[in-house]
Amino acid sequence: MQSGRRGGGVLVPRHVTRSQLAAMVDHTLLKPEATPAEVVALVAEAAELGVFSVCVSPSMVPVAAAAGEMRVAAVAGFPSGKHLPEIKSQEAAAAVAAGASEIDMVIDVGAALAGDVAAVRADIAAVRAATGGAVLKVIVESAVLLGHGDEHTLTAVCRAAEDAGADFVKTSTGFHPAGGATVRAVELMSAAVGRRLGVKASGGIRTAADAIIMLDAGATRLGLSGTRAVLDGLDVS
């Protein structure tokens, strides 16, 4: 196994064990109708599966933090990214204060498409300043950026995230109609940040084969809502 990346991600060979794959997963529940009881069940399942963390909405961080010893990640500016930077920062800071050790923030995708990478960088930097030592993942909605046919924009945004102090770049919210993670997006993002940052693939990863393809492309963390099904489908022979 190769050396680890920043933020807990690792590079792994194609043939991974169930426990190795599980340890790279943020077990996720972000649907608007999620209840406290479902979050408690998510934490229990996460502990059983041996995943890296659970990822929940900011209002559910206290529930998740109280439900067990599992590491908790929370989203900020989710899912549109159109929140004012000060609001996004406050939301992230409140989540950290409530027990989150990782923040997955959404950029202003429209600013990126307009070529205003400086605004994207400033937005990320504001959240970075508000979250102290928490791991910061930056959701770039790669399917939207690539859908406009400009790979340079995705690369520029990833480099802006690094400049602003992020620990990871992340493909998708999983809520945008443009789609989730793709191999090409992960390859580009991995190339942009090298081994200096982690790369989280999220959105549409539903099978073990999907997961392995993303790891091969350069992902160091996976965001999954159907984690058990992915792990159950892993060929460990």
C-alpha atoms as a PDB file:
ATOM      1  CA  MET A   1       0.000   0.000   0.000  1.00  0.00           C
ATOM      2  CA  GLN A   2       1.280   3.457  -0.887  1.00  0.00           C
ATOM      3  CA  SER A   3       1.685   6.329   1.507  1.00  0.00           C
ATOM      4  CA  GLY A   4      -1.305   8.204   2.851  1.00  0.00           C
ATOM      5  CA  ARG A   5      -2.679  11.528   1.654  1.00  0.00           C
ATOM      6  CA  ARG A   6      -3.590  14.498   3.743  1.00  0.00           C
ATOM      7  CA  GLY A   7      -6.855  14.242   5.676  1.00  0.00           C
ATOM      8  CA  GLY A   8      -6.869  10.490   6.223  1.00  0.00           C
ATOM      9  CA  GLY A   9      -7.109   9.360   2.615  1.00  0.00           C
ATOM     10  CA  VAL A  10      -4.848   6.629   1.304  1.00  0.00           C
ATOM     11  CA  LEU A  11      -3.846   5.219  -2.033  1.00  0.00           C
ATOM     12  CA  VAL A  12      -4.811   1.578  -2.362  1.00  0.00           C
ATOM     13  CA  PRO A  13      -4.332  -1.151  -4.961  1.00  0.00           C
ATOM     14  CA  ARG A  14      -7.216  -2.430  -7.042  1.00  0.00           C
ATOM     15  CA  HIS A  15      -7.773  -5.481  -4.799  1.00  0.00           C
ATOM     16  CA  VAL A  16      -8.839  -4.048  -1.477  1.00  0.00           C
ATOM     17  CA  THR A  17     -10.278  -5.846   1.493  1.00  0.00           C
ATOM     18  CA  ARG A  18     -13.698  -5.032   2.851  1.00  0.00           C
ATOM     19  CA  SER A  19     -12.175  -3.327   5.873  1.00  0.00           C
ATOM     20  CA  GLN A  20      -9.793  -1.241   3.743  1.00  0.00           C
ATOM     21  CA  LEU A  21     -12.622  -0.010   1.555  1.00  0.00           C
ATOM     22  CA  ALA A  22     -14.890   0.678   4.521  1.00  0.00           C
ATOM     23  CA  ALA A  23     -12.174   2.783   6.136  1.00  0.00           C
ATOM     24  CA  MET A  24     -12.320   5.166   3.145  1.00  0.00           C
ATOM     25  CA  VAL A  25     -16.079   5.757   3.313  1.00  0.00           C
ATOM     26  CA  ASP A  26     -18.113   8.678   4.609  1.00  0.00           C
ATOM     27  CA  HIS A  27     -21.438   6.933   5.334  1.00  0.00           C
ATOM     28  CA  THR A  28     -23.914   9.578   4.266  1.00  0.00           C
ATOM     29  CA  LEU A  29     -27.470  10.652   5.054  1.00  0.00           C
ATOM     30  CA  LEU A  30     -28.351  14.070   3.645  1.00  0.00           C
ATOM     31  CA  LYS A  31     -31.939  13.710   2.454  1.00  0.00           C
ATOM     32  CA  PRO A  32     -34.134  16.597   3.656  1.00  0.00           C
ATOM     33  CA  GLU A  33     -36.624  14.268   5.314  1.00  0.00           C
ATOM     34  CA  ALA A  34     -34.044  12.488   7.481  1.00  0.00           C
ATOM     35  CA  THR A  35     -35.205  12.057  11.061  1.00  0.00           C
ATOM     36  CA  PRO A  36     -33.179  11.899  14.278  1.00  0.00           C
ATOM     37  CA  ALA A  37     -33.998   8.200  14.556  1.00  0.00           C
ATOM     38  CA  GLU A  38     -32.569   7.602  11.084  1.00  0.00           C
ATOM     39  CA  VAL A  39     -29.379   9.438  12.007  1.00  0.00           C
ATOM     40  CA  VAL A  40     -29.002   7.320  15.151  1.00  0.00           C
ATOM     41  CA  ALA A  41     -29.447   4.221  12.969  1.00  0.00           C
ATOM     42  CA  LEU A  42     -26.878   5.603  10.499  1.00  0.00           C
ATOM     43  CA  VAL A  43     -24.281   5.935  13.266  1.00  0.00           C
ATOM     44  CA  ALA A  44     -24.965   2.415  14.516  1.00  0.00           C
ATOM     45  CA  GLU A  45     -24.622   0.997  11.008  1.00  0.00           C
ATOM     46  CA  ALA A  46     -21.451   3.009  10.432  1.00  0.00           C
ATOM     47  CA  ALA A  47     -19.870   1.522  13.537  1.00  0.00           C
ATOM     48  CA  GLU A  48     -20.882  -1.966  12.441  1.00  0.00           C
ATOM     49  CA  LEU A  49     -19.439  -1.475   8.946  1.00  0.00           C
ATOM     50  CA  GLY A  50     -16.211   0.103  10.153  1.00  0.00           C
ATOM     51  CA  VAL A  51     -16.431   3.224   7.979  1.00  0.00           C
ATOM     52  CA  PHE A  52     -14.331   6.357   8.342  1.00  0.00           C
ATOM     53  CA  SER A  53     -17.166   8.731   9.277  1.00  0.00           C
ATOM     54  CA  VAL A  54     -20.809   9.623   8.961  1.00  0.00           C
ATOM     55  CA  CYS A  55     -21.826  12.679   6.950  1.00  0.00           C
ATOM     56  CA  VAL A  56     -25.018  14.485   7.952  1.00  0.00           C
ATOM     57  CA  SER A  57     -26.797  17.813   7.679  1.00  0.00           C
ATOM     58  CA  PRO A  58     -25.707  20.529  10.138  1.00  0.00           C
ATOM     59  CA  SER A  59     -28.879  20.285  12.214  1.00  0.00           C
ATOM     60  CA  MET A  60     -28.225  16.575  12.716  1.00  0.00           C
ATOM     61  CA  VAL A  61     -24.646  16.931  14.002  1.00  0.00           C
ATOM     62  CA  PRO A  62     -25.659  16.959  17.694  1.00  0.00           C
ATOM     63  CA  VAL A  63     -27.736  13.827  17.139  1.00  0.00           C
ATOM     64  CA  ALA A  64     -24.916  12.020  15.360  1.00  0.00           C
ATOM     65  CA  ALA A  65     -22.296  13.146  17.872  1.00  0.00           C
ATOM     66  CA  ALA A  66     -24.400  11.895  20.776  1.00  0.00           C
ATOM     67  CA  ALA A  67     -25.247   8.576  19.116  1.00  0.00           C
ATOM     68  CA  GLY A  68     -21.799   7.000  19.391  1.00  0.00           C
ATOM     69  CA  GLU A  69     -18.062   7.411  18.991  1.00  0.00           C
ATOM     70  CA  MET A  70     -18.162   7.768  15.213  1.00  0.00           C
ATOM     71  CA  ARG A  71     -16.358  10.662  13.506  1.00  0.00           C
ATOM     72  CA  VAL A  72     -18.936  13.159  12.202  1.00  0.00           C
ATOM     73  CA  ALA A  73     -18.771  15.224   9.009  1.00  0.00           C
ATOM     74  CA  ALA A  74     -21.284  17.950   8.198  1.00  0.00           C
ATOM     75  CA  VAL A  75     -22.118  19.816   5.021  1.00  0.00           C
ATOM     76  CA  ALA A  76     -22.117  23.599   4.621  1.00  0.00           C
ATOM     77  CA  GLY A  77     -23.748  25.709   1.937  1.00  0.00           C
ATOM     78  CA  PHE A  78     -25.550  22.560   0.864  1.00  0.00           C
ATOM     79  CA  PRO A  79     -26.636  21.794  -1.772  1.00  0.00           C
ATOM     80  CA  SER A  80     -26.620  24.982  -3.878  1.00  0.00           C
ATOM     81  CA  GLY A  81     -23.435  26.700  -2.667  1.00  0.00           C
ATOM     82  CA  LYS A  82     -25.171  30.041  -3.199  1.00  0.00           C
ATOM     83  CA  HIS A  83     -25.038  31.075   0.450  1.00  0.00           C
ATOM     84  CA  LEU A  84     -23.108  34.200   1.363  1.00  0.00           C
ATOM     85  CA  PRO A  85     -19.571  33.342   2.510  1.00  0.00           C
ATOM     86  CA  GLU A  86     -20.242  34.661   6.010  1.00  0.00           C
ATOM     87  CA  ILE A  87     -23.357  32.500   6.326  1.00  0.00           C
ATOM     88  CA  LYS A  88     -21.549  29.453   4.994  1.00  0.00           C
ATOM     89  CA  SER A  89     -18.732  30.088   7.445  1.00  0.00           C
ATOM     90  CA  GLN A  90     -21.090  30.469  10.387  1.00  0.00           C
ATOM     91  CA  GLU A  91     -22.898  27.276   9.447  1.00  0.00           C
ATOM     92  CA  ALA A  92     -19.613  25.377   9.283  1.00  0.00           C
ATOM     93  CA  ALA A  93     -18.370  26.833  12.567  1.00  0.00           C
ATOM     94  CA  ALA A  94     -21.611  25.919  14.312  1.00  0.00           C
ATOM     95  CA  ALA A  95     -21.331  22.354  13.044  1.00  0.00           C
ATOM     96  CA  VAL A  96     -17.776  22.082  14.376  1.00  0.00           C
ATOM     97  CA  ALA A  97     -18.881  23.488  17.727  1.00  0.00           C
ATOM     98  CA  ALA A  98     -21.632  20.852  17.840  1.00  0.00           C
ATOM     99  CA  GLY A  99     -19.186  17.987  17.296  1.00  0.00           C
ATOM    100  CA  ALA A 100     -18.290  17.775  13.592  1.00  0.00           C
ATOM    101  CA  SER A 101     -14.626  17.107  12.873  1.00  0.00           C
ATOM    102  CA  GLU A 102     -14.995  17.437   9.094  1.00  0.00           C
ATOM    103  CA  ILE A 103     -16.842  19.938   6.888  1.00  0.00           C
ATOM    104  CA  ASP A 104     -17.943  19.328   3.291  1.00  0.00           C
ATOM    105  CA  MET A 105     -18.665  22.774   1.820  1.00  0.00           C
ATOM    106  CA  VAL A 106     -20.183  23.597  -1.567  1.00  0.00           C
ATOM    107  CA  ILE A 107     -18.585  26.253  -3.748  1.00  0.00           C
ATOM    108  CA  ASP A 108     -20.512  28.878  -5.692  1.00  0.00           C
ATOM    109  CA  VAL A 109     -20.538  26.928  -8.937  1.00  0.00           C
ATOM    110  CA  GLY A 110     -21.891  29.892 -10.864  1.00  0.00           C
ATOM    111  CA  ALA A 111     -18.887  31.985  -9.837  1.00  0.00           C
ATOM    112  CA  ALA A 112     -16.596  29.233 -11.101  1.00  0.00           C
ATOM    113  CA  LEU A 113     -18.423  29.033 -14.434  1.00  0.00           C
ATOM    114  CA  ALA A 114     -18.178  32.812 -14.770  1.00  0.00           C
ATOM    115  CA  GLY A 115     -14.419  32.562 -14.373  1.00  0.00           C
ATOM    116  CA  ASP A 116     -14.343  34.259 -10.966  1.00  0.00           C
ATOM    117  CA  VAL A 117     -11.969  31.793  -9.347  1.00  0.00           C
ATOM    118  CA  ALA A 118     -10.860  34.507  -6.920  1.00  0.00           C
ATOM    119  CA  ALA A 119     -14.371  34.595  -5.441  1.00  0.00           C
ATOM    120  CA  VAL A 120     -14.374  30.815  -5.119  1.00  0.00           C
ATOM    121  CA  ARG A 121     -11.000  30.938  -3.377  1.00  0.00           C
ATOM    122  CA  ALA A 122     -12.191  33.644  -0.974  1.00  0.00           C
ATOM    123  CA  ASP A 123     -15.334  31.664  -0.138  1.00  0.00           C
ATOM    124  CA  ILE A 124     -13.283  28.579   0.706  1.00  0.00           C
ATOM    125  CA  ALA A 125     -10.785  30.609   2.701  1.00  0.00           C
ATOM    126  CA  ALA A 126     -13.595  32.104   4.791  1.00  0.00           C
ATOM    127  CA  VAL A 127     -14.865  28.648   5.736  1.00  0.00           C
ATOM    128  CA  ARG A 128     -11.308  27.470   6.383  1.00  0.00           C
ATOM    129  CA  ALA A 129     -10.752  30.363   8.797  1.00  0.00           C
ATOM    130  CA  ALA A 130     -13.986  29.581  10.629  1.00  0.00           C
ATOM    131  CA  THR A 131     -13.412  25.873  11.151  1.00  0.00           C
ATOM    132  CA  GLY A 132     -10.052  25.701  12.889  1.00  0.00           C
ATOM    133  CA  GLY A 133      -8.477  22.274  12.674  1.00  0.00           C
ATOM    134  CA  ALA A 134     -11.474  20.515  11.162  1.00  0.00           C
ATOM    135  CA  VAL A 135     -10.852  18.664   7.896  1.00  0.00           C
ATOM    136  CA  LEU A 136     -12.252  20.771   5.059  1.00  0.00           C
ATOM    137  CA  LYS A 137     -13.581  19.154   1.889  1.00  0.00           C
ATOM    138  CA  VAL A 138     -14.592  21.384  -1.018  1.00  0.00           C
ATOM    139  CA  ILE A 139     -17.465  20.205  -3.214  1.00  0.00           C
ATOM    140  CA  VAL A 140     -16.951  21.489  -6.754  1.00  0.00           C
ATOM    141  CA  GLU A 141     -19.907  19.894  -8.615  1.00  0.00           C
ATOM    142  CA  SER A 142     -17.538  18.465 -11.194  1.00  0.00           C
ATOM    143  CA  ALA A 143     -20.322  17.239 -13.476  1.00  0.00           C
ATOM    144  CA  VAL A 144     -21.552  20.812 -13.891  1.00  0.00           C
ATOM    145  CA  LEU A 145     -18.094  22.193 -14.612  1.00  0.00           C
ATOM    146  CA  LEU A 146     -17.236  19.433 -17.070  1.00  0.00           C
ATOM    147  CA  GLY A 147     -20.679  19.683 -18.615  1.00  0.00           C
ATOM    148  CA  HIS A 148     -19.709  23.119 -19.844  1.00  0.00           C
ATOM    149  CA  GLY A 149     -16.807  21.537 -21.683  1.00  0.00           C
ATOM    150  CA  ASP A 150     -13.941  23.256 -19.891  1.00  0.00           C
ATOM    151  CA  GLU A 151     -11.604  20.966 -17.994  1.00  0.00           C
ATOM    152  CA  HIS A 152      -9.425  23.963 -17.164  1.00  0.00           C
ATOM    153  CA  THR A 153     -12.125  25.382 -14.879  1.00  0.00           C
ATOM    154  CA  LEU A 154     -12.292  22.218 -12.809  1.00  0.00           C
ATOM    155  CA  THR A 155      -8.513  22.196 -12.475  1.00  0.00           C
ATOM    156  CA  ALA A 156      -8.436  25.885 -11.546  1.00  0.00           C
ATOM    157  CA  VAL A 157     -11.083  25.437  -8.876  1.00  0.00           C
ATOM    158  CA  CYS A 158      -9.229  22.504  -7.342  1.00  0.00           C
ATOM    159  CA  ARG A 159      -6.032  24.533  -7.213  1.00  0.00           C
ATOM    160  CA  ALA A 160      -7.937  27.435  -5.668  1.00  0.00           C
ATOM    161  CA  ALA A 161      -9.211  25.065  -2.982  1.00  0.00           C
ATOM    162  CA  GLU A 162      -5.659  24.031  -2.234  1.00  0.00           C
ATOM    163  CA  ASP A 163      -4.524  27.653  -2.106  1.00  0.00           C
ATOM    164  CA  ALA A 164      -7.332  28.432   0.342  1.00  0.00           C
ATOM    165  CA  GLY A 165      -6.290  25.677   2.746  1.00  0.00           C
ATOM    166  CA  ALA A 166      -8.661  22.821   1.929  1.00  0.00           C
ATOM    167  CA  ASP A 167      -7.770  19.239   2.822  1.00  0.00           C
ATOM    168  CA  PHE A 168      -9.868  17.560   0.116  1.00  0.00           C
ATOM    169  CA  VAL A 169     -11.595  18.356  -3.128  1.00  0.00           C
ATOM    170  CA  LYS A 170     -14.879  16.521  -3.633  1.00  0.00           C
ATOM    171  CA  THR A 171     -16.783  15.801  -6.819  1.00  0.00           C
ATOM    172  CA  SER A 172     -20.437  16.321  -6.022  1.00  0.00           C
ATOM    173  CA  THR A 173     -23.298  16.949  -3.653  1.00  0.00           C
ATOM    174  CA  GLY A 174     -25.207  14.071  -5.223  1.00  0.00           C
ATOM    175  CA  PHE A 175     -28.213  16.377  -5.540  1.00  0.00           C
ATOM    176  CA  HIS A 176     -27.449  18.205  -8.798  1.00  0.00           C
ATOM    177  CA  PRO A 177     -29.234  16.947 -11.933  1.00  0.00           C
ATOM    178  CA  ALA A 178     -25.959  17.175 -13.884  1.00  0.00           C
ATOM    179  CA  GLY A 179     -24.820  14.033 -12.089  1.00  0.00           C
ATOM    180  CA  GLY A 180     -22.238  12.794  -9.622  1.00  0.00           C
ATOM    181  CA  ALA A 181     -18.708  11.455  -9.734  1.00  0.00           C
ATOM    182  CA  THR A 182     -17.107  10.378 -12.990  1.00  0.00           C
ATOM    183  CA  VAL A 183     -13.765   8.768 -13.701  1.00  0.00           C
ATOM    184  CA  ARG A 184     -12.632  11.743 -15.785  1.00  0.00           C
ATOM    185  CA  ALA A 185     -13.493  14.209 -13.046  1.00  0.00           C
ATOM    186  CA  VAL A 186     -11.619  12.235 -10.412  1.00  0.00           C
ATOM    187  CA  GLU A 187      -8.607  11.901 -12.697  1.00  0.00           C
ATOM    188  CA  LEU A 188      -8.507  15.642 -13.330  1.00  0.00           C
ATOM    189  CA  MET A 189      -8.993  16.517  -9.685  1.00  0.00           C
ATOM    190  CA  SER A 190      -6.308  14.086  -8.583  1.00  0.00           C
ATOM    191  CA  ALA A 191      -3.896  15.497 -11.142  1.00  0.00           C
ATOM    192  CA  ALA A 192      -4.645  19.054  -9.999  1.00  0.00           C
ATOM    193  CA  VAL A 193      -3.863  18.468  -6.327  1.00  0.00           C
ATOM    194  CA  GLY A 194      -1.326  15.656  -6.620  1.00  0.00           C
ATOM    195  CA  ARG A 195      -0.842  13.870  -3.316  1.00  0.00           C
ATOM    196  CA  ARG A 196      -1.067  17.102  -1.376  1.00  0.00           C
ATOM    197  CA  LEU A 197      -4.838  16.909  -0.878  1.00  0.00           C
ATOM    198  CA  GLY A 198      -7.328  14.091  -0.759  1.00  0.00           C
ATOM    199  CA  VAL A 199      -9.945  13.539  -3.453  1.00  0.00           C
ATOM    200  CA  LYS A 200     -13.437  12.503  -2.411  1.00  0.00           C
ATOM    201  CA  ALA A 201     -15.659  10.859  -5.017  1.00  0.00           C
ATOM    202  CA  SER A 202     -19.336  11.203  -4.224  1.00  0.00           C
ATOM    203  CA  GLY A 203     -22.592  10.923  -6.109  1.00  0.00           C
ATOM    204  CA  GLY A 204     -23.874   7.870  -7.972  1.00  0.00           C
ATOM    205  CA  ILE A 205     -21.429   5.316  -6.532  1.00  0.00           C
ATOM    206  CA  ARG A 206     -23.722   2.362  -5.927  1.00  0.00           C
ATOM    207  CA  THR A 207     -21.662  -0.795  -6.504  1.00  0.00           C
ATOM    208  CA  ALA A 208     -18.307  -2.214  -5.480  1.00  0.00           C
ATOM    209  CA  ALA A 209     -17.195  -1.920  -9.102  1.00  0.00           C
ATOM    210  CA  ASP A 210     -18.085   1.790  -9.081  1.00  0.00           C
ATOM    211  CA  ALA A 211     -16.061   2.259  -5.899  1.00  0.00           C
ATOM    212  CA  ILE A 212     -12.978   0.472  -7.216  1.00  0.00           C
ATOM    213  CA  ILE A 213     -13.067   2.447 -10.464  1.00  0.00           C
ATOM    214  CA  MET A 214     -13.062   5.686  -8.477  1.00  0.00           C
ATOM    215  CA  LEU A 215     -10.142   4.532  -6.345  1.00  0.00           C
ATOM    216  CA  ASP A 216      -8.212   3.573  -9.451  1.00  0.00           C
ATOM    217  CA  ALA A 217      -8.886   7.050 -10.875  1.00  0.00           C
ATOM    218  CA  GLY A 218      -7.363   8.685  -7.799  1.00  0.00           C
ATOM    219  CA  ALA A 219     -10.094   8.969  -5.161  1.00  0.00           C
ATOM    220  CA  THR A 220      -8.897   8.700  -1.562  1.00  0.00           C
ATOM    221  CA  ARG A 221     -12.300   8.961   0.103  1.00  0.00           C
ATOM    222  CA  LEU A 222     -15.777   7.901  -1.000  1.00  0.00           C
ATOM    223  CA  GLY A 223     -19.139   9.382  -0.115  1.00  0.00           C
ATOM    224  CA  LEU A 224     -21.740   6.599  -0.064  1.00  0.00           C
ATOM    225  CA  SER A 225     -25.332   6.371   1.070  1.00  0.00           C
ATOM    226  CA  GLY A 226     -25.648   2.687   0.148  1.00  0.00           C
ATOM    227  CA  THR A 227     -22.454   1.639   1.884  1.00  0.00           C
ATOM    228  CA  ARG A 228     -23.549  -1.833   2.919  1.00  0.00           C
ATOM    229  CA  ALA A 229     -24.497  -2.828  -0.624  1.00  0.00           C
ATOM    230  CA  VAL A 230     -21.142  -1.572  -1.940  1.00  0.00           C
ATOM    231  CA  LEU A 231     -19.177  -3.489   0.680  1.00  0.00           C
ATOM    232  CA  ASP A 232     -21.280  -6.621   0.217  1.00  0.00           C
ATOM    233  CA  GLY A 233     -20.462  -6.566  -3.479  1.00  0.00           C
ATOM    234  CA  LEU A 234     -16.720  -6.385  -2.979  1.00  0.00           C
ATOM    235  CA  ASP A 235     -14.742  -9.242  -4.511  1.00  0.00           C
ATOM    236  CA  VAL A 236     -12.128 -10.047  -1.894  1.00  0.00           C
ATOM    237  CA  SER A 237     -10.789 -13.146  -3.612  1.00  0.00           C
END
